[in-house]
Amino acid sequence: MLPASTRCSSRSSLAASRPDARLALVADGLLLLDKPPGITSHDAVDVCRRAYGERSVGHLGTLDPFATGLLVLLFGRSTRLATFLRSDPKVYEATIRFGVETDTDDALGAPTRTSAPPAVAAVEQAVIALTGAIEQVPPAYSAKQVAGARAYAAARRGRPLDLAPVHVHVHSWELRQVRDPASVAEVDVAVTCDGGTYVRALARDLGRLSGSAAHCLTLRRVRAGTFDVGNATSLADVREKVPPPPLRPLRVTVDG
């Protein structure tokens, strides 16, 4: 449970205030939001702007429209504290479906390739290869830019960009449920990774490395750093409650 008042040290970490510290700033607050499917993170932020009457709202990591789960939002003066809040690693729960690859690497895209489902041993070997420091080609439908052009905009025009691999770090995979180990149709996983990692792309590459094809069927972020979706507020509560759910106060302390 996140405490009602969280302190940030000037050394870019969350820490308890020491006796020799003095209060430097009382910030406006933080909201843990459970984003529903079907809307962008920007849409969710706009709902919060209207509900709280605050124009300055930022987040610590976006979510795809089809994904659900934790958005960490900062309001007002708290947006200045983003660099002090540890939001990595992030933990996602996902269902990966084998046999079909899509142009978006998720269930919303059009099929681009089909293949027979893999055996569970091939999936387990692919997981090992996709753990640690790896290079990952971002999805064609992503916010990555090349020469000022957004990848998703180019893909929608039928001219996908040639995206270069990026370095990402995947801390761990947990294979929670494998449906039909002899010929894996779907697998439920928990993935712990640093920011900038696309779980959709991990699903795509898991299919390829296991000798099959795959896409991300469902995706939910359940944790970001010390923040947990179990403490989050629903977007419906933000929309409907008057006044909206209270923000969690943040305080910055400066040594001296």
Protein backbone atom coordinates (compact mmCIF):
# COMPACT_ATOMS: atom_id res chain seq x y z
CA MET A 1 0.00 0.00 0.00
CA LEU A 2 1.42 3.33 -1.01
CA PRO A 3 1.52 5.63 2.04
CA ALA A 4 -0.61 8.77 2.00
CA SER A 5 2.51 10.87 1.95
CA THR A 6 5.55 9.80 -0.08
CA ARG A 7 8.91 11.52 0.31
CA CYS A 8 11.49 11.94 -2.44
CA SER A 9 15.12 12.58 -1.68
CA SER A 10 17.21 14.87 -3.86
CA ARG A 11 19.18 11.75 -4.90
CA SER A 12 16.46 10.58 -7.33
CA SER A 13 14.93 7.94 -5.07
CA LEU A 14 11.94 7.51 -2.82
CA ALA A 15 13.17 7.70 0.76
CA ALA A 16 12.02 8.62 4.23
CA SER A 17 12.83 12.13 5.40
CA ARG A 18 15.89 12.35 7.65
CA PRO A 19 15.86 14.51 10.77
CA ASP A 20 18.17 17.07 9.15
CA ALA A 21 15.99 17.50 6.04
CA ARG A 22 13.69 20.43 5.49
CA LEU A 23 10.50 20.59 3.46
CA ALA A 24 11.16 22.20 0.08
CA LEU A 25 7.89 21.81 -1.82
CA VAL A 26 4.36 20.60 -1.25
CA ALA A 27 3.29 19.11 -4.59
CA ASP A 28 -0.23 18.73 -5.93
CA GLY A 29 -0.43 14.98 -5.98
CA LEU A 30 -0.33 11.57 -7.57
CA LEU A 31 -3.07 9.25 -8.83
CA LEU A 32 -2.79 5.54 -9.55
CA LEU A 33 -5.25 4.89 -12.37
CA ASP A 34 -6.50 1.54 -13.67
CA LYS A 35 -6.89 2.21 -17.40
CA PRO A 36 -9.68 0.27 -19.14
CA PRO A 37 -9.26 -1.20 -22.64
CA GLY A 38 -10.19 0.66 -25.80
CA ILE A 39 -8.81 4.11 -25.01
CA THR A 40 -5.37 5.68 -25.28
CA SER A 41 -3.36 6.83 -22.30
CA HIS A 42 -3.83 10.38 -23.64
CA ASP A 43 -7.61 9.91 -23.53
CA ALA A 44 -7.38 8.74 -19.91
CA VAL A 45 -5.26 11.77 -19.01
CA ASP A 46 -7.84 14.08 -20.63
CA VAL A 47 -10.61 12.57 -18.49
CA CYS A 48 -8.51 13.27 -15.40
CA ARG A 49 -7.74 16.83 -16.49
CA ARG A 50 -11.44 17.58 -16.70
CA ALA A 51 -12.37 15.77 -13.49
CA TYR A 52 -9.72 17.49 -11.38
CA GLY A 53 -9.71 20.85 -13.18
CA GLU A 54 -5.93 20.63 -13.66
CA ARG A 55 -4.32 21.21 -17.05
CA SER A 56 -0.87 19.98 -16.04
CA VAL A 57 -1.12 16.17 -15.86
CA GLY A 58 1.66 13.76 -16.81
CA HIS A 59 2.21 10.02 -16.59
CA LEU A 60 5.13 7.69 -15.93
CA GLY A 61 4.79 5.41 -18.96
CA THR A 62 2.05 5.00 -21.54
CA LEU A 63 -0.15 1.97 -22.23
CA ASP A 64 -1.40 0.71 -25.59
CA PRO A 65 -5.12 1.29 -26.29
CA PHE A 66 -5.91 -2.45 -26.06
CA ALA A 67 -3.99 -2.81 -22.79
CA THR A 68 -5.36 -2.29 -19.31
CA GLY A 69 -3.85 -1.54 -15.95
CA LEU A 70 -1.65 0.84 -14.08
CA LEU A 71 -1.06 4.42 -15.17
CA VAL A 72 0.87 6.54 -12.66
CA LEU A 73 -0.36 10.13 -13.06
CA LEU A 74 1.18 13.30 -11.65
CA PHE A 75 -0.81 16.52 -11.26
CA GLY A 76 0.20 20.18 -11.13
CA ARG A 77 3.54 20.86 -9.51
CA SER A 78 4.01 17.11 -8.97
CA THR A 79 4.82 16.74 -12.67
CA ARG A 80 8.22 18.24 -11.79
CA LEU A 81 8.93 15.21 -9.61
CA ALA A 82 8.76 12.60 -12.37
CA THR A 83 12.51 12.03 -12.41
CA PHE A 84 12.49 11.36 -8.66
CA LEU A 85 9.94 8.55 -8.83
CA ARG A 86 11.11 5.05 -9.63
CA SER A 87 8.65 3.47 -12.05
CA ASP A 88 10.89 0.58 -13.17
CA PRO A 89 10.84 -2.30 -13.40
CA LYS A 90 7.33 -2.78 -14.75
CA VAL A 91 5.35 -5.99 -14.40
CA TYR A 92 2.83 -7.11 -17.04
CA GLU A 93 0.41 -10.00 -17.21
CA ALA A 94 -0.30 -11.15 -20.75
CA THR A 95 -1.86 -13.91 -22.78
CA ILE A 96 0.12 -14.81 -25.90
CA ARG A 97 -1.63 -16.70 -28.70
CA PHE A 98 0.42 -18.86 -31.05
CA GLY A 99 -0.22 -19.72 -34.68
CA VAL A 100 -0.84 -16.20 -36.04
CA GLU A 101 1.32 -13.07 -36.27
CA THR A 102 -0.41 -9.72 -36.84
CA ASP A 103 0.69 -6.36 -38.22
CA THR A 104 0.16 -4.72 -34.81
CA ASP A 105 1.59 -7.63 -32.79
CA ASP A 106 -1.71 -7.77 -30.87
CA ALA A 107 -5.26 -9.03 -31.31
CA LEU A 108 -6.44 -5.80 -32.98
CA GLY A 109 -4.24 -6.24 -36.04
CA ALA A 110 -4.66 -8.05 -39.34
CA PRO A 111 -2.99 -11.48 -39.71
CA THR A 112 0.28 -11.32 -41.61
CA ARG A 113 1.65 -14.85 -41.11
CA THR A 114 0.44 -18.20 -39.82
CA SER A 115 2.36 -21.19 -38.53
CA ALA A 116 1.80 -24.38 -36.58
CA PRO A 117 1.84 -23.89 -32.79
CA PRO A 118 5.12 -24.80 -31.06
CA ALA A 119 5.91 -27.40 -28.44
CA VAL A 120 6.31 -26.15 -24.89
CA ALA A 121 10.05 -26.95 -24.91
CA ALA A 122 10.55 -24.57 -27.84
CA VAL A 123 8.65 -21.85 -25.98
CA GLU A 124 10.79 -22.35 -22.88
CA GLN A 125 13.99 -22.03 -24.92
CA ALA A 126 12.69 -18.87 -26.60
CA VAL A 127 11.92 -17.36 -23.19
CA ILE A 128 15.54 -17.86 -22.17
CA ALA A 129 16.72 -16.07 -25.32
CA LEU A 130 14.35 -13.17 -24.59
CA THR A 131 15.58 -12.63 -21.02
CA GLY A 132 18.22 -10.13 -19.96
CA ALA A 133 19.68 -7.36 -22.12
CA ILE A 134 18.29 -7.89 -25.61
CA GLU A 135 17.73 -5.95 -28.82
CA GLN A 136 14.11 -5.49 -29.83
CA VAL A 137 12.56 -4.11 -33.01
CA PRO A 138 9.59 -1.96 -31.93
CA PRO A 139 6.15 -2.78 -33.33
CA ALA A 140 5.26 -1.21 -36.68
CA TYR A 141 2.30 0.38 -34.91
CA SER A 142 4.11 2.29 -32.18
CA ALA A 143 4.97 5.86 -31.28
CA LYS A 144 8.58 5.50 -32.43
CA GLN A 145 9.77 8.22 -34.84
CA VAL A 146 12.04 8.20 -37.86
CA ALA A 147 12.91 11.59 -39.37
CA GLY A 148 9.96 13.12 -37.53
CA ALA A 149 7.42 10.54 -38.77
CA ARG A 150 5.47 8.42 -36.30
CA ALA A 151 5.63 4.69 -36.95
CA TYR A 152 1.90 4.11 -36.44
CA ALA A 153 0.97 6.92 -38.82
CA ALA A 154 3.21 5.51 -41.54
CA ALA A 155 1.85 1.99 -40.96
CA ARG A 156 -1.73 3.23 -41.30
CA ARG A 157 -0.81 4.73 -44.67
CA GLY A 158 0.49 1.33 -45.76
CA ARG A 159 4.12 2.48 -45.66
CA PRO A 160 5.58 1.07 -42.42
CA LEU A 161 8.89 2.55 -41.31
CA ASP A 162 12.12 0.60 -41.13
CA LEU A 163 12.59 0.68 -37.36
CA ALA A 164 16.02 0.02 -35.91
CA PRO A 165 16.41 -2.40 -32.98
CA VAL A 166 16.64 -0.82 -29.53
CA HIS A 167 18.27 -2.09 -26.36
CA VAL A 168 15.80 -3.20 -23.69
CA HIS A 169 16.08 -5.21 -20.51
CA VAL A 170 13.75 -8.08 -19.58
CA HIS A 171 14.29 -9.13 -15.98
CA SER A 172 12.17 -12.28 -15.96
CA TRP A 173 9.34 -14.32 -17.44
CA GLU A 174 6.89 -16.50 -15.54
CA LEU A 175 4.98 -19.09 -17.58
CA ARG A 176 1.80 -19.31 -15.53
CA GLN A 177 -0.44 -21.47 -17.69
CA VAL A 178 0.30 -23.31 -20.91
CA ARG A 179 -2.69 -24.52 -22.89
CA ASP A 180 -1.85 -27.84 -24.59
CA PRO A 181 1.91 -28.33 -23.94
CA ALA A 182 2.33 -30.66 -26.93
CA SER A 183 1.14 -27.94 -29.32
CA VAL A 184 0.91 -24.65 -27.46
CA ALA A 185 -2.14 -22.62 -28.45
CA GLU A 186 -1.88 -19.94 -25.74
CA VAL A 187 0.29 -19.18 -22.75
CA ASP A 188 -0.37 -16.86 -19.80
CA VAL A 189 2.79 -15.06 -18.70
CA ALA A 190 4.04 -12.47 -16.27
CA VAL A 191 6.87 -10.35 -17.65
CA THR A 192 9.08 -8.03 -15.58
CA CYS A 193 10.95 -5.52 -17.71
CA ASP A 194 12.30 -1.99 -17.81
CA GLY A 195 10.53 0.93 -19.43
CA GLY A 196 10.74 1.12 -23.20
CA THR A 197 10.11 -2.61 -23.64
CA TYR A 198 7.19 -3.55 -25.86
CA VAL A 199 5.48 -6.69 -24.56
CA ARG A 200 3.68 -6.93 -27.92
CA ALA A 201 7.07 -7.25 -29.59
CA LEU A 202 8.13 -9.85 -27.02
CA ALA A 203 5.06 -11.89 -27.98
CA ARG A 204 5.92 -11.57 -31.67
CA ASP A 205 9.53 -12.60 -31.08
CA LEU A 206 8.51 -15.46 -28.78
CA GLY A 207 6.55 -16.88 -31.69
CA ARG A 208 9.40 -16.48 -34.15
CA LEU A 209 12.09 -17.89 -31.85
CA SER A 210 9.95 -20.93 -31.01
CA GLY A 211 9.55 -21.70 -34.71
CA SER A 212 5.97 -20.49 -34.88
CA ALA A 213 4.04 -17.21 -35.03
CA ALA A 214 2.40 -15.33 -32.17
CA HIS A 215 0.73 -12.14 -31.03
CA CYS A 216 -0.31 -10.58 -27.73
CA LEU A 217 -3.95 -11.42 -27.03
CA THR A 218 -4.33 -9.52 -23.74
CA LEU A 219 -2.03 -7.21 -21.80
CA ARG A 220 -2.30 -5.72 -18.32
CA ARG A 221 0.27 -3.70 -16.37
CA VAL A 222 0.05 -4.63 -12.71
CA ARG A 223 3.09 -2.89 -11.25
CA ALA A 224 5.48 -0.02 -11.94
CA GLY A 225 8.33 0.30 -9.49
CA THR A 226 6.74 0.50 -6.04
CA PHE A 227 3.28 1.28 -7.42
CA ASP A 228 0.68 -1.50 -7.67
CA VAL A 229 -2.57 -1.67 -9.64
CA GLY A 230 -4.25 -3.07 -6.52
CA ASN A 231 -4.14 0.48 -5.13
CA ALA A 232 -5.43 2.10 -8.32
CA THR A 233 -8.64 4.02 -8.97
CA SER A 234 -10.94 3.12 -11.85
CA LEU A 235 -11.53 5.62 -14.64
CA ALA A 236 -15.27 5.27 -14.00
CA ASP A 237 -14.78 6.58 -10.45
CA VAL A 238 -12.77 9.53 -11.76
CA ARG A 239 -15.55 10.35 -14.26
CA GLU A 240 -18.52 9.85 -11.99
CA LYS A 241 -17.58 10.73 -8.42
CA VAL A 242 -18.08 14.31 -7.24
CA PRO A 243 -15.61 15.27 -5.98
CA PRO A 244 -13.28 12.80 -7.72
CA PRO A 245 -11.10 10.43 -5.65
CA PRO A 246 -8.43 12.33 -3.65
CA LEU A 247 -4.91 12.64 -4.98
CA ARG A 248 -2.04 11.22 -2.96
CA PRO A 249 0.20 14.06 -1.73
CA LEU A 250 3.88 14.06 -2.59
CA ARG A 251 6.53 15.92 -0.60
CA VAL A 252 10.06 16.72 -1.63
CA THR A 253 12.74 17.12 1.01
CA VAL A 254 16.13 18.70 0.48
CA ASP A 255 19.13 17.88 2.66
CA GLY A 256 20.47 20.76 4.65
